Amino acid sequence: MKQEQESRERELSVEEAFAQLEETVSALEDPEISLEDAFARYQEGMELLKYCNASIDKVEKSVQAISEEGELYEF
């Protein structure tokens, strides 16, 4: 099951993953959610959050900036 979730997340854009995170947070805020469902949603949310962080880190590492001297460097 975890592999299915990971492969599904890899196919998501960061924007789609953030949208799913918002849905997860909304579901967790529902006072009628069962403990089991809350735990499952929490786990899904944490996996999505890890995916988003990894995606953002990857982009940040590949972004180049221009110094005041006009030189390109990666940060």
C-alpha atoms as a PDB file:
ATOM      1  CA  MET A   1       0.000   0.000   0.000  1.00  0.00           C
ATOM      2  CA  LYS A   2       2.828   2.409   0.840  1.00  0.00           C
ATOM      3  CA  GLN A   3       4.426   1.833  -2.575  1.00  0.00           C
ATOM      4  CA  GLU A   4       1.133   2.653  -4.288  1.00  0.00           C
ATOM      5  CA  GLN A   5       0.893   5.881  -2.318  1.00  0.00           C
ATOM      6  CA  GLU A   6       4.511   6.811  -3.085  1.00  0.00           C
ATOM      7  CA  SER A   7       4.120   6.183  -6.818  1.00  0.00           C
ATOM      8  CA  ARG A   8       0.875   8.162  -6.827  1.00  0.00           C
ATOM      9  CA  GLU A   9       2.583  11.071  -5.040  1.00  0.00           C
ATOM     10  CA  ARG A  10       5.499  11.067  -7.478  1.00  0.00           C
ATOM     11  CA  GLU A  11       3.019  11.652 -10.274  1.00  0.00           C
ATOM     12  CA  LEU A  12       1.552  14.695  -8.509  1.00  0.00           C
ATOM     13  CA  SER A  13       2.679  18.215  -9.094  1.00  0.00           C
ATOM     14  CA  VAL A  14       3.609  20.187  -6.008  1.00  0.00           C
ATOM     15  CA  GLU A  15       0.438  22.226  -6.437  1.00  0.00           C
ATOM     16  CA  GLU A  16      -1.691  19.071  -6.515  1.00  0.00           C
ATOM     17  CA  ALA A  17       0.062  17.731  -3.428  1.00  0.00           C
ATOM     18  CA  PHE A  18      -0.582  20.993  -1.562  1.00  0.00           C
ATOM     19  CA  ALA A  19      -4.252  20.835  -2.587  1.00  0.00           C
ATOM     20  CA  GLN A  20      -4.456  17.305  -1.190  1.00  0.00           C
ATOM     21  CA  LEU A  21      -2.781  18.515   2.004  1.00  0.00           C
ATOM     22  CA  GLU A  22      -5.448  21.188   2.364  1.00  0.00           C
ATOM     23  CA  GLU A  23      -8.149  18.537   1.959  1.00  0.00           C
ATOM     24  CA  THR A  24      -6.423  16.392   4.573  1.00  0.00           C
ATOM     25  CA  VAL A  25      -6.274  19.262   7.049  1.00  0.00           C
ATOM     26  CA  SER A  26      -9.957  20.012   6.478  1.00  0.00           C
ATOM     27  CA  ALA A  27     -10.829  16.368   7.077  1.00  0.00           C
ATOM     28  CA  LEU A  28      -8.794  16.319  10.286  1.00  0.00           C
ATOM     29  CA  GLU A  29     -10.604  19.405  11.542  1.00  0.00           C
ATOM     30  CA  ASP A  30     -13.973  17.640  11.230  1.00  0.00           C
ATOM     31  CA  PRO A  31     -15.157  16.857  14.765  1.00  0.00           C
ATOM     32  CA  GLU A  32     -16.980  13.753  13.479  1.00  0.00           C
ATOM     33  CA  ILE A  33     -13.830  12.007  12.141  1.00  0.00           C
ATOM     34  CA  SER A  34     -13.060   8.686  13.802  1.00  0.00           C
ATOM     35  CA  LEU A  35      -9.729   8.083  15.474  1.00  0.00           C
ATOM     36  CA  GLU A  36      -8.788   5.478  12.868  1.00  0.00           C
ATOM     37  CA  ASP A  37      -9.625   7.793   9.975  1.00  0.00           C
ATOM     38  CA  ALA A  38      -7.801  10.670  11.645  1.00  0.00           C
ATOM     39  CA  PHE A  39      -4.682   8.552  12.039  1.00  0.00           C
ATOM     40  CA  ALA A  40      -4.829   7.369   8.419  1.00  0.00           C
ATOM     41  CA  ARG A  41      -5.352  10.952   7.178  1.00  0.00           C
ATOM     42  CA  TYR A  42      -2.489  12.163   9.370  1.00  0.00           C
ATOM     43  CA  GLN A  43      -0.163   9.550   7.873  1.00  0.00           C
ATOM     44  CA  GLU A  44      -1.234  10.507   4.329  1.00  0.00           C
ATOM     45  CA  GLY A  45      -0.649  14.152   5.157  1.00  0.00           C
ATOM     46  CA  MET A  46       2.836  13.485   6.494  1.00  0.00           C
ATOM     47  CA  GLU A  47       3.747  11.555   3.336  1.00  0.00           C
ATOM     48  CA  LEU A  48       2.433  14.392   1.171  1.00  0.00           C
ATOM     49  CA  LEU A  49       4.364  16.901   3.256  1.00  0.00           C
ATOM     50  CA  LYS A  50       7.589  14.912   2.814  1.00  0.00           C
ATOM     51  CA  TYR A  51       6.933  14.775  -0.923  1.00  0.00           C
ATOM     52  CA  CYS A  52       6.360  18.543  -1.089  1.00  0.00           C
ATOM     53  CA  ASN A  53       9.493  19.279   0.934  1.00  0.00           C
ATOM     54  CA  ALA A  54      11.608  17.004  -1.245  1.00  0.00           C
ATOM     55  CA  SER A  55      10.212  18.572  -4.421  1.00  0.00           C
ATOM     56  CA  ILE A  56      10.835  22.088  -3.183  1.00  0.00           C
ATOM     57  CA  ASP A  57      14.377  21.181  -2.055  1.00  0.00           C
ATOM     58  CA  LYS A  58      15.094  19.747  -5.497  1.00  0.00           C
ATOM     59  CA  VAL A  59      13.942  22.950  -7.189  1.00  0.00           C
ATOM     60  CA  GLU A  60      15.852  25.170  -4.764  1.00  0.00           C
ATOM     61  CA  LYS A  61      19.064  23.290  -5.427  1.00  0.00           C
ATOM     62  CA  SER A  62      18.710  23.726  -9.158  1.00  0.00           C
ATOM     63  CA  VAL A  63      17.860  27.431  -9.077  1.00  0.00           C
ATOM     64  CA  GLN A  64      20.678  29.716 -10.020  1.00  0.00           C
ATOM     65  CA  ALA A  65      21.121  33.214  -8.734  1.00  0.00           C
ATOM     66  CA  ILE A  66      23.081  36.098 -10.191  1.00  0.00           C
ATOM     67  CA  SER A  67      25.506  37.878  -7.894  1.00  0.00           C
ATOM     68  CA  GLU A  68      26.076  41.620  -7.966  1.00  0.00           C
ATOM     69  CA  GLU A  69      29.114  40.969 -10.153  1.00  0.00           C
ATOM     70  CA  GLY A  70      26.949  39.179 -12.722  1.00  0.00           C
ATOM     71  CA  GLU A  71      28.252  35.708 -11.915  1.00  0.00           C
ATOM     72  CA  LEU A  72      25.907  32.725 -11.795  1.00  0.00           C
ATOM     73  CA  TYR A  73      25.940  30.482  -8.761  1.00  0.00           C
ATOM     74  CA  GLU A  74      23.703  27.807  -7.327  1.00  0.00           C
ATOM     75  CA  PHE A  75      22.316  28.005  -3.847  1.00  0.00           C
END
